[in-house]
Structure formats: C-alpha cells, structure tokens
C-alpha cells in the first residue's frame, strides 16, 4: 500500500505526527467512542503515542483523508490485519460535519481498489456494530456482502466481506 493517494476531491496521506490535532479530535468524537470505542486519548501526548503505535505496527495502515484543495482533514480510512481475522479489515471514520458528501465512499473505494489489485489480498473484511447504519450503507455501496455475526472483545459485530473479482 502506498503512503499517498489522490482522488478527484481528496488527498489520502499516511498518518503522521503532523495529524496530531486532527486525530485527537476524531478519536474523541461521540461517534468514534460509540461505534469504534474509547481509546482513552485524553490529551495531545496520548494522541502522539496513539499515532506512533499505528506507525510502528506493520499490520496497521491509517490514511488521513483531506480535501485536496485546502488539506482540511475530514476523516480516516484504515486497513488492518487483526490477529483474529484471516484477512485485512477495511475501516473508516469521518468527522460528522463531513458526512453525507460522498467523501468516505470516495476514499474507501480508493483504498479498497488498491488492496484488491494486490495479489496478497484475495478477500477484504469489514466489521461494524449492528446499529451503525451509515457504515452498513457504505459497505453495501462498496459491494461488501454480509457474512455473519461475530463476537469480539465482548461485542457483537456484523462481518462483511468482498472478494477479488474472479476468486
């Protein structure tokens, strides 16, 4: 996976210390805490550690999604190899004020397309809570299909998957 992608309206860049303020804001939004979980990032120093843990883990990729024209950060797209899954997991989270404009679809489609072109990835997973209707709608728009309910870390999640064409 590359560190940088450009779409029609967006710029996607690997997370770095440069994104400290944005990551601090995002992980503390009510939507993040409700649907992703509290990461206990209560100050900027903890945000710095959170970012560094992501950077240091070769199985975690975070891209900060920004408007191409002014580089205002909108959200993130993630690609993570979790210990309890056979395949990588695609994720996304956007600040509420930037939802409903197609940005998440545009960014997630870019990362998904790149992943599915890579011979190492024949299948991509995605999980969400059952009441996260916006994420479910986006996964369906990206052509993910519902697979099953799973229990991870004391939560019931819906697992979706998409296979590389021809698999």
N, C-alpha and C. Protein backbone atom coordinates (compact mmCIF):
# COMPACT_ATOMS: atom_id res chain seq x y z
N UNK A 1 0.84 -1.17 0.00
CA UNK A 1 0.00 0.00 0.00
C UNK A 1 0.90 1.25 0.00
N UNK A 2 0.44 2.25 -0.71
CA UNK A 2 1.20 3.49 -0.80
C UNK A 2 0.92 4.40 0.39
N UNK A 3 1.80 5.37 0.59
CA UNK A 3 1.62 6.35 1.66
C UNK A 3 0.70 7.49 1.25
N UNK A 4 0.49 7.65 -0.06
CA UNK A 4 -0.25 8.82 -0.55
C UNK A 4 -1.11 8.42 -1.75
N UNK A 5 -2.36 8.87 -1.74
CA UNK A 5 -3.29 8.68 -2.85
C UNK A 5 -4.00 9.99 -3.11
N UNK A 6 -4.36 10.21 -4.36
CA UNK A 6 -5.12 11.39 -4.76
C UNK A 6 -6.36 10.89 -5.49
N UNK A 7 -7.50 11.47 -5.16
CA UNK A 7 -8.74 11.19 -5.88
C UNK A 7 -9.21 12.50 -6.50
N UNK A 8 -10.41 12.49 -7.04
CA UNK A 8 -10.93 13.69 -7.67
C UNK A 8 -10.97 14.87 -6.69
N UNK A 9 -11.41 14.61 -5.46
CA UNK A 9 -11.57 15.71 -4.49
C UNK A 9 -10.67 15.61 -3.27
N UNK A 10 -10.00 14.47 -3.11
CA UNK A 10 -9.36 14.17 -1.83
C UNK A 10 -7.89 13.84 -1.97
N UNK A 11 -7.22 14.00 -0.85
CA UNK A 11 -5.84 13.57 -0.69
C UNK A 11 -5.82 12.62 0.51
N UNK A 12 -5.22 11.45 0.35
CA UNK A 12 -5.10 10.48 1.43
C UNK A 12 -3.63 10.31 1.75
N UNK A 13 -3.26 10.58 2.99
CA UNK A 13 -1.86 10.51 3.40
C UNK A 13 -1.72 9.63 4.64
N UNK A 14 -0.67 8.82 4.67
CA UNK A 14 -0.41 8.01 5.86
C UNK A 14 -0.35 8.90 7.08
N UNK A 15 -0.95 8.41 8.15
CA UNK A 15 -0.99 9.19 9.38
C UNK A 15 0.43 9.47 9.86
N UNK A 16 0.61 10.67 10.39
CA UNK A 16 1.92 11.07 10.92
C UNK A 16 1.69 12.00 12.10
N UNK A 17 2.78 12.38 12.75
CA UNK A 17 2.69 13.31 13.87
C UNK A 17 2.08 14.64 13.44
N UNK A 18 2.19 14.95 12.17
CA UNK A 18 1.59 16.17 11.60
C UNK A 18 0.07 16.19 11.82
N UNK A 19 -0.55 15.02 11.95
CA UNK A 19 -2.00 14.90 12.09
C UNK A 19 -2.47 14.86 13.55
N UNK A 20 -1.61 15.21 14.46
CA UNK A 20 -1.89 15.09 15.89
C UNK A 20 -3.21 15.74 16.31
N UNK A 21 -3.42 16.99 15.98
CA UNK A 21 -4.64 17.68 16.41
C UNK A 21 -5.89 17.02 15.82
N UNK A 22 -5.81 16.64 14.56
CA UNK A 22 -6.96 16.00 13.92
C UNK A 22 -7.29 14.66 14.56
N UNK A 23 -6.28 13.82 14.77
CA UNK A 23 -6.51 12.50 15.38
C UNK A 23 -7.07 12.67 16.79
N UNK A 24 -6.54 13.61 17.53
CA UNK A 24 -7.06 13.87 18.88
C UNK A 24 -8.55 14.23 18.81
N UNK A 25 -8.91 15.08 17.88
CA UNK A 25 -10.33 15.46 17.73
C UNK A 25 -11.17 14.25 17.31
N UNK A 26 -10.73 13.51 16.30
CA UNK A 26 -11.53 12.41 15.74
C UNK A 26 -11.80 11.31 16.77
N UNK A 27 -10.76 10.85 17.47
CA UNK A 27 -10.95 9.72 18.39
C UNK A 27 -11.75 10.09 19.63
N UNK A 28 -12.01 11.36 19.81
CA UNK A 28 -12.81 11.80 20.94
C UNK A 28 -14.20 12.27 20.56
N UNK A 29 -14.60 12.07 19.31
CA UNK A 29 -15.96 12.42 18.91
C UNK A 29 -16.92 11.39 19.49
N UNK A 30 -18.16 11.80 19.75
CA UNK A 30 -19.15 10.84 20.26
C UNK A 30 -19.36 9.65 19.32
N UNK A 31 -19.28 9.89 18.01
CA UNK A 31 -19.48 8.80 17.04
C UNK A 31 -18.34 7.78 17.11
N UNK A 32 -17.10 8.24 17.24
CA UNK A 32 -15.97 7.33 17.36
C UNK A 32 -16.12 6.49 18.62
N UNK A 33 -16.36 7.15 19.73
CA UNK A 33 -16.47 6.45 21.01
C UNK A 33 -17.61 5.43 20.96
N UNK A 34 -18.73 5.80 20.37
CA UNK A 34 -19.89 4.90 20.32
C UNK A 34 -19.66 3.71 19.39
N UNK A 35 -19.16 3.96 18.19
CA UNK A 35 -19.10 2.91 17.19
C UNK A 35 -17.74 2.20 17.09
N UNK A 36 -16.68 2.84 17.54
CA UNK A 36 -15.34 2.25 17.44
C UNK A 36 -14.80 1.92 18.82
N UNK A 37 -15.02 2.81 19.76
CA UNK A 37 -14.60 2.55 21.13
C UNK A 37 -13.71 3.64 21.67
N UNK A 38 -13.75 3.79 22.96
CA UNK A 38 -12.94 4.79 23.64
C UNK A 38 -11.49 4.35 23.65
N UNK A 39 -10.62 5.13 23.06
CA UNK A 39 -9.19 4.81 23.01
C UNK A 39 -8.42 5.48 24.15
N UNK A 40 -9.14 6.17 25.04
CA UNK A 40 -8.52 6.83 26.19
C UNK A 40 -7.40 7.78 25.79
N UNK A 41 -7.64 8.50 24.72
CA UNK A 41 -6.70 9.52 24.25
C UNK A 41 -7.22 10.84 24.79
N UNK A 42 -6.78 11.18 26.01
CA UNK A 42 -7.36 12.32 26.71
C UNK A 42 -6.53 13.60 26.62
N UNK A 43 -5.34 13.51 26.03
CA UNK A 43 -4.54 14.72 25.84
C UNK A 43 -3.66 14.53 24.61
N UNK A 44 -2.97 15.58 24.23
CA UNK A 44 -2.18 15.55 22.99
C UNK A 44 -1.00 14.57 23.08
N UNK A 45 -0.44 14.40 24.26
CA UNK A 45 0.66 13.45 24.41
C UNK A 45 0.17 12.02 24.14
N UNK A 46 -1.00 11.68 24.66
CA UNK A 46 -1.56 10.36 24.40
C UNK A 46 -1.91 10.20 22.93
N UNK A 47 -2.33 11.27 22.28
CA UNK A 47 -2.59 11.22 20.84
C UNK A 47 -1.30 10.94 20.08
N UNK A 48 -0.22 11.54 20.54
CA UNK A 48 1.09 11.30 19.91
C UNK A 48 1.48 9.82 20.04
N UNK A 49 1.28 9.23 21.23
CA UNK A 49 1.57 7.80 21.43
C UNK A 49 0.66 6.93 20.57
N UNK A 50 -0.61 7.30 20.48
CA UNK A 50 -1.57 6.56 19.66
C UNK A 50 -1.12 6.52 18.20
N UNK A 51 -0.73 7.66 17.68
CA UNK A 51 -0.24 7.74 16.30
C UNK A 51 1.03 6.92 16.13
N UNK A 52 1.95 7.02 17.08
CA UNK A 52 3.21 6.29 16.96
C UNK A 52 2.99 4.78 16.97
N UNK A 53 2.04 4.31 17.79
CA UNK A 53 1.72 2.87 17.81
C UNK A 53 1.22 2.41 16.44
N UNK A 54 0.44 3.24 15.79
CA UNK A 54 -0.05 2.91 14.45
C UNK A 54 1.11 2.85 13.47
N UNK A 55 1.95 3.85 13.50
CA UNK A 55 3.09 3.93 12.58
C UNK A 55 4.03 2.75 12.77
N UNK A 56 4.24 2.34 14.02
CA UNK A 56 5.19 1.27 14.33
C UNK A 56 4.68 -0.13 14.03
N UNK A 57 3.38 -0.28 13.80
CA UNK A 57 2.81 -1.62 13.56
C UNK A 57 2.69 -1.87 12.06
N UNK A 58 3.43 -2.86 11.53
CA UNK A 58 3.40 -3.12 10.08
C UNK A 58 2.07 -3.71 9.60
N UNK A 59 1.17 -4.02 10.50
CA UNK A 59 -0.13 -4.60 10.13
C UNK A 59 -1.26 -3.58 10.20
N UNK A 60 -0.91 -2.31 10.43
CA UNK A 60 -1.93 -1.26 10.54
C UNK A 60 -1.57 -0.12 9.60
N UNK A 61 -2.53 0.25 8.76
CA UNK A 61 -2.37 1.37 7.85
C UNK A 61 -3.53 2.34 8.09
N UNK A 62 -3.20 3.59 8.39
CA UNK A 62 -4.20 4.66 8.55
C UNK A 62 -3.86 5.74 7.54
N UNK A 63 -4.85 6.15 6.76
CA UNK A 63 -4.69 7.29 5.88
C UNK A 63 -5.62 8.40 6.36
N UNK A 64 -5.06 9.59 6.54
CA UNK A 64 -5.88 10.75 6.87
C UNK A 64 -6.39 11.30 5.54
N UNK A 65 -7.69 11.46 5.47
CA UNK A 65 -8.36 11.94 4.26
C UNK A 65 -8.59 13.44 4.41
N UNK A 66 -8.09 14.19 3.44
CA UNK A 66 -8.21 15.65 3.47
C UNK A 66 -8.78 16.14 2.14
N UNK A 67 -9.37 17.30 2.17
CA UNK A 67 -9.78 17.94 0.92
C UNK A 67 -8.53 18.31 0.15
N UNK A 68 -8.50 17.97 -1.11
CA UNK A 68 -7.33 18.21 -1.94
C UNK A 68 -7.02 19.71 -2.05
N UNK A 69 -8.06 20.52 -2.14
CA UNK A 69 -7.86 21.95 -2.39
C UNK A 69 -7.25 22.70 -1.21
N UNK A 70 -7.61 22.34 0.03
CA UNK A 70 -7.10 23.11 1.17
C UNK A 70 -6.50 22.25 2.28
N UNK A 71 -6.44 20.94 2.07
CA UNK A 71 -5.84 19.99 3.02
C UNK A 71 -6.53 19.96 4.38
N UNK A 72 -7.81 20.33 4.45
CA UNK A 72 -8.58 20.22 5.69
C UNK A 72 -8.87 18.74 5.93
N UNK A 73 -8.44 18.17 7.07
CA UNK A 73 -8.70 16.76 7.35
C UNK A 73 -10.18 16.50 7.62
N UNK A 74 -10.69 15.43 7.00
CA UNK A 74 -12.10 15.07 7.09
C UNK A 74 -12.33 13.79 7.89
N UNK A 75 -11.41 12.83 7.72
CA UNK A 75 -11.60 11.53 8.34
C UNK A 75 -10.41 10.63 8.07
N UNK A 76 -10.62 9.34 8.31
CA UNK A 76 -9.56 8.36 8.06
C UNK A 76 -10.14 7.14 7.36
N UNK A 77 -9.28 6.44 6.66
CA UNK A 77 -9.56 5.10 6.14
C UNK A 77 -8.45 4.22 6.71
N UNK A 78 -8.84 3.05 7.20
CA UNK A 78 -7.87 2.13 7.81
C UNK A 78 -7.86 0.80 7.08
N UNK A 79 -6.74 0.13 7.16
CA UNK A 79 -6.57 -1.21 6.59
C UNK A 79 -5.72 -1.97 7.60
N UNK A 80 -6.36 -2.89 8.31
CA UNK A 80 -5.73 -3.51 9.48
C UNK A 80 -5.79 -5.03 9.39
N UNK A 81 -4.69 -5.68 9.69
CA UNK A 81 -4.67 -7.14 9.83
C UNK A 81 -4.78 -7.45 11.31
N UNK A 82 -5.97 -7.84 11.70
CA UNK A 82 -6.23 -8.17 13.10
C UNK A 82 -5.85 -9.62 13.36
N UNK A 83 -5.41 -9.89 14.57
CA UNK A 83 -4.97 -11.25 14.94
C UNK A 83 -6.07 -12.28 14.76
N UNK A 84 -7.30 -11.89 15.00
CA UNK A 84 -8.40 -12.85 14.99
C UNK A 84 -9.09 -12.99 13.63
N UNK A 85 -8.57 -12.33 12.58
CA UNK A 85 -9.11 -12.48 11.24
C UNK A 85 -8.03 -13.01 10.31
N UNK A 86 -8.45 -13.79 9.34
CA UNK A 86 -7.52 -14.31 8.35
C UNK A 86 -7.11 -13.23 7.34
N UNK A 87 -8.01 -12.27 7.10
CA UNK A 87 -7.78 -11.25 6.08
C UNK A 87 -7.77 -9.85 6.70
N UNK A 88 -7.28 -8.88 5.92
CA UNK A 88 -7.28 -7.50 6.37
C UNK A 88 -8.70 -6.96 6.46
N UNK A 89 -8.87 -5.96 7.29
CA UNK A 89 -10.15 -5.33 7.60
C UNK A 89 -10.09 -3.87 7.16
N UNK A 90 -11.05 -3.44 6.34
CA UNK A 90 -11.16 -2.06 5.91
C UNK A 90 -12.05 -1.30 6.89
N UNK A 91 -11.64 -0.11 7.27
CA UNK A 91 -12.44 0.70 8.17
C UNK A 91 -12.40 2.16 7.76
N UNK A 92 -13.28 2.94 8.36
CA UNK A 92 -13.34 4.37 8.05
C UNK A 92 -14.04 5.09 9.18
N UNK A 93 -13.69 6.35 9.34
CA UNK A 93 -14.33 7.21 10.32
C UNK A 93 -14.14 8.65 9.86
N UNK A 94 -15.22 9.42 9.87
CA UNK A 94 -15.18 10.80 9.42
C UNK A 94 -15.83 11.71 10.44
N UNK A 95 -15.34 12.92 10.52
CA UNK A 95 -15.98 13.90 11.38
C UNK A 95 -17.40 14.12 10.88
N UNK A 96 -18.32 14.24 11.81
CA UNK A 96 -19.74 14.32 11.47
C UNK A 96 -20.04 15.44 10.46
N UNK A 97 -19.36 16.56 10.59
CA UNK A 97 -19.65 17.69 9.70
C UNK A 97 -19.25 17.41 8.24
N UNK A 98 -18.54 16.31 8.00
CA UNK A 98 -18.13 15.98 6.64
C UNK A 98 -18.83 14.72 6.11
N UNK A 99 -19.83 14.24 6.82
CA UNK A 99 -20.54 13.05 6.35
C UNK A 99 -21.66 13.46 5.39
N UNK A 100 -22.10 12.50 4.60
CA UNK A 100 -23.19 12.74 3.67
C UNK A 100 -22.78 13.48 2.40
N UNK A 101 -21.49 13.59 2.15
CA UNK A 101 -20.99 14.31 0.97
C UNK A 101 -20.25 13.38 0.00
N UNK A 102 -20.21 12.08 0.31
CA UNK A 102 -19.55 11.12 -0.56
C UNK A 102 -18.05 10.99 -0.33
N UNK A 103 -17.51 11.71 0.65
CA UNK A 103 -16.07 11.64 0.88
C UNK A 103 -15.63 10.26 1.37
N UNK A 104 -16.37 9.68 2.29
CA UNK A 104 -16.00 8.36 2.82
C UNK A 104 -16.02 7.32 1.71
N UNK A 105 -17.02 7.37 0.86
CA UNK A 105 -17.09 6.43 -0.26
C UNK A 105 -15.90 6.61 -1.20
N UNK A 106 -15.62 7.84 -1.55
CA UNK A 106 -14.52 8.13 -2.48
C UNK A 106 -13.18 7.64 -1.91
N UNK A 107 -12.94 7.90 -0.63
CA UNK A 107 -11.68 7.50 -0.01
C UNK A 107 -11.60 5.99 0.20
N UNK A 108 -12.66 5.39 0.73
CA UNK A 108 -12.66 3.95 1.00
C UNK A 108 -12.56 3.16 -0.31
N UNK A 109 -13.24 3.63 -1.34
CA UNK A 109 -13.18 2.96 -2.65
C UNK A 109 -11.75 2.95 -3.19
N UNK A 110 -11.02 4.04 -2.96
CA UNK A 110 -9.64 4.13 -3.42
C UNK A 110 -8.77 3.08 -2.73
N UNK A 111 -8.85 2.99 -1.42
CA UNK A 111 -8.04 2.03 -0.68
C UNK A 111 -8.48 0.60 -1.00
N UNK A 112 -9.77 0.37 -1.06
CA UNK A 112 -10.29 -0.96 -1.40
C UNK A 112 -9.80 -1.39 -2.78
N UNK A 113 -9.87 -0.49 -3.75
CA UNK A 113 -9.41 -0.81 -5.10
C UNK A 113 -7.94 -1.18 -5.13
N UNK A 114 -7.11 -0.43 -4.41
CA UNK A 114 -5.68 -0.74 -4.35
C UNK A 114 -5.44 -2.09 -3.68
N UNK A 115 -6.16 -2.35 -2.60
CA UNK A 115 -5.99 -3.62 -1.89
C UNK A 115 -6.36 -4.79 -2.77
N UNK A 116 -7.46 -4.68 -3.49
CA UNK A 116 -7.92 -5.79 -4.33
C UNK A 116 -7.05 -6.00 -5.55
N UNK A 117 -6.25 -5.01 -5.93
CA UNK A 117 -5.29 -5.18 -7.02
C UNK A 117 -4.04 -5.91 -6.56
N UNK A 118 -3.80 -5.92 -5.26
CA UNK A 118 -2.61 -6.56 -4.69
C UNK A 118 -2.83 -8.07 -4.63
N UNK A 119 -1.94 -8.86 -5.21
CA UNK A 119 -2.11 -10.32 -5.20
C UNK A 119 -2.18 -10.92 -3.80
N UNK A 120 -1.69 -10.22 -2.79
CA UNK A 120 -1.73 -10.74 -1.42
C UNK A 120 -3.13 -10.70 -0.82
N UNK A 121 -4.04 -9.96 -1.45
CA UNK A 121 -5.37 -9.77 -0.87
C UNK A 121 -6.45 -10.31 -1.80
N UNK A 122 -6.91 -11.51 -1.51
CA UNK A 122 -8.00 -12.09 -2.30
C UNK A 122 -9.36 -11.76 -1.71
N UNK A 123 -9.36 -11.32 -0.47
CA UNK A 123 -10.60 -11.03 0.25
C UNK A 123 -10.31 -9.93 1.26
N UNK A 124 -11.26 -9.01 1.40
CA UNK A 124 -11.16 -7.93 2.38
C UNK A 124 -12.39 -8.01 3.27
N UNK A 125 -12.18 -7.83 4.56
CA UNK A 125 -13.26 -7.86 5.53
C UNK A 125 -13.58 -6.46 6.02
N UNK A 126 -14.72 -6.33 6.67
CA UNK A 126 -15.11 -5.10 7.35
C UNK A 126 -16.08 -5.49 8.45
N UNK A 127 -15.97 -4.83 9.59
CA UNK A 127 -16.90 -5.11 10.69
C UNK A 127 -17.52 -3.81 11.17
N UNK A 128 -18.70 -3.95 11.73
CA UNK A 128 -19.40 -2.80 12.28
C UNK A 128 -20.42 -3.26 13.29
N UNK A 129 -20.83 -2.35 14.12
CA UNK A 129 -21.92 -2.63 15.04
C UNK A 129 -23.23 -2.64 14.27
N UNK A 130 -24.17 -3.43 14.74
CA UNK A 130 -25.45 -3.59 14.04
C UNK A 130 -26.23 -2.27 13.93
N UNK A 131 -26.05 -1.35 14.87
CA UNK A 131 -26.80 -0.10 14.81
C UNK A 131 -26.03 1.03 14.11
N UNK A 132 -24.89 0.71 13.49
CA UNK A 132 -24.14 1.71 12.74
C UNK A 132 -24.63 1.70 11.29
N UNK A 133 -25.80 2.25 11.10
CA UNK A 133 -26.49 2.18 9.80
C UNK A 133 -25.73 2.90 8.69
N UNK A 134 -25.03 3.98 9.01
CA UNK A 134 -24.26 4.69 7.99
C UNK A 134 -23.10 3.82 7.46
N UNK A 135 -22.41 3.14 8.37
CA UNK A 135 -21.32 2.26 7.94
C UNK A 135 -21.84 1.09 7.12
N UNK A 136 -22.94 0.51 7.55
CA UNK A 136 -23.53 -0.61 6.80
C UNK A 136 -23.90 -0.16 5.40
N UNK A 137 -24.52 1.00 5.27
CA UNK A 137 -24.90 1.51 3.96
C UNK A 137 -23.67 1.73 3.07
N UNK A 138 -22.60 2.26 3.66
CA UNK A 138 -21.38 2.48 2.88
C UNK A 138 -20.75 1.16 2.46
N UNK A 139 -20.72 0.19 3.36
CA UNK A 139 -20.17 -1.12 2.99
C UNK A 139 -20.94 -1.74 1.85
N UNK A 140 -22.25 -1.65 1.88
CA UNK A 140 -23.07 -2.18 0.79
C UNK A 140 -22.79 -1.44 -0.52
N UNK A 141 -22.65 -0.12 -0.43
CA UNK A 141 -22.34 0.68 -1.63
C UNK A 141 -20.99 0.28 -2.22
N UNK A 142 -20.07 -0.14 -1.35
CA UNK A 142 -18.74 -0.60 -1.79
C UNK A 142 -18.76 -2.05 -2.26
N UNK A 143 -19.94 -2.67 -2.26
CA UNK A 143 -20.16 -4.06 -2.70
C UNK A 143 -19.69 -5.12 -1.71
N UNK A 144 -19.57 -4.76 -0.45
CA UNK A 144 -19.33 -5.76 0.58
C UNK A 144 -20.64 -6.51 0.81
N UNK A 145 -20.53 -7.80 1.08
CA UNK A 145 -21.70 -8.60 1.40
C UNK A 145 -21.65 -9.05 2.85
N UNK A 146 -22.82 -9.12 3.46
CA UNK A 146 -22.89 -9.58 4.85
C UNK A 146 -22.49 -11.04 4.91
N UNK A 147 -21.63 -11.38 5.88
CA UNK A 147 -21.16 -12.75 6.07
C UNK A 147 -21.82 -13.39 7.29
N UNK A 148 -21.64 -12.75 8.45
CA UNK A 148 -22.12 -13.37 9.69
C UNK A 148 -21.97 -12.40 10.85
N UNK A 149 -22.60 -12.76 11.96
CA UNK A 149 -22.38 -12.05 13.21
C UNK A 149 -21.23 -12.73 13.93
N UNK A 150 -20.37 -11.91 14.54
CA UNK A 150 -19.24 -12.44 15.29
C UNK A 150 -19.20 -11.77 16.66
N UNK A 151 -18.50 -12.40 17.57
CA UNK A 151 -18.31 -11.84 18.91
C UNK A 151 -16.82 -11.62 19.11
N UNK A 152 -16.45 -10.37 19.27
CA UNK A 152 -15.06 -10.00 19.52
C UNK A 152 -15.02 -8.95 20.60
N UNK A 153 -14.10 -9.15 21.54
CA UNK A 153 -13.88 -8.17 22.61
C UNK A 153 -15.20 -7.76 23.27
N UNK A 154 -16.00 -8.75 23.62
CA UNK A 154 -17.28 -8.54 24.33
C UNK A 154 -18.30 -7.73 23.53
N UNK A 155 -18.18 -7.73 22.21
CA UNK A 155 -19.15 -7.03 21.37
C UNK A 155 -19.64 -7.97 20.28
N UNK A 156 -20.90 -7.78 19.89
CA UNK A 156 -21.41 -8.48 18.73
C UNK A 156 -21.25 -7.56 17.53
N UNK A 157 -20.55 -8.05 16.53
CA UNK A 157 -20.28 -7.27 15.33
C UNK A 157 -20.86 -7.97 14.11
N UNK A 158 -21.16 -7.19 13.10
CA UNK A 158 -21.53 -7.74 11.81
C UNK A 158 -20.27 -7.77 10.96
N UNK A 159 -20.01 -8.91 10.35
CA UNK A 159 -18.85 -9.04 9.47
C UNK A 159 -19.32 -9.02 8.02
N UNK A 160 -18.68 -8.17 7.25
CA UNK A 160 -18.92 -8.08 5.81
C UNK A 160 -17.63 -8.48 5.10
N UNK A 161 -17.75 -8.87 3.83
CA UNK A 161 -16.57 -9.26 3.07
C UNK A 161 -16.79 -8.95 1.60
N UNK A 162 -15.67 -8.76 0.92
CA UNK A 162 -15.66 -8.62 -0.52
C UNK A 162 -14.48 -9.43 -1.04
N UNK A 163 -14.72 -10.16 -2.12
CA UNK A 163 -13.68 -10.98 -2.73
C UNK A 163 -13.17 -10.31 -3.99
N UNK A 164 -11.89 -10.58 -4.27
CA UNK A 164 -11.29 -10.09 -5.51
C UNK A 164 -12.09 -10.69 -6.67
N UNK A 165 -12.41 -9.91 -7.68
CA UNK A 165 -13.13 -10.47 -8.83
C UNK A 165 -12.41 -11.70 -9.39
N UNK A 166 -13.18 -12.71 -9.67
CA UNK A 166 -12.61 -13.95 -10.22
C UNK A 166 -12.18 -14.94 -9.16
N UNK A 167 -12.35 -14.62 -7.89
CA UNK A 167 -11.95 -15.54 -6.81
C UNK A 167 -13.06 -16.50 -6.50
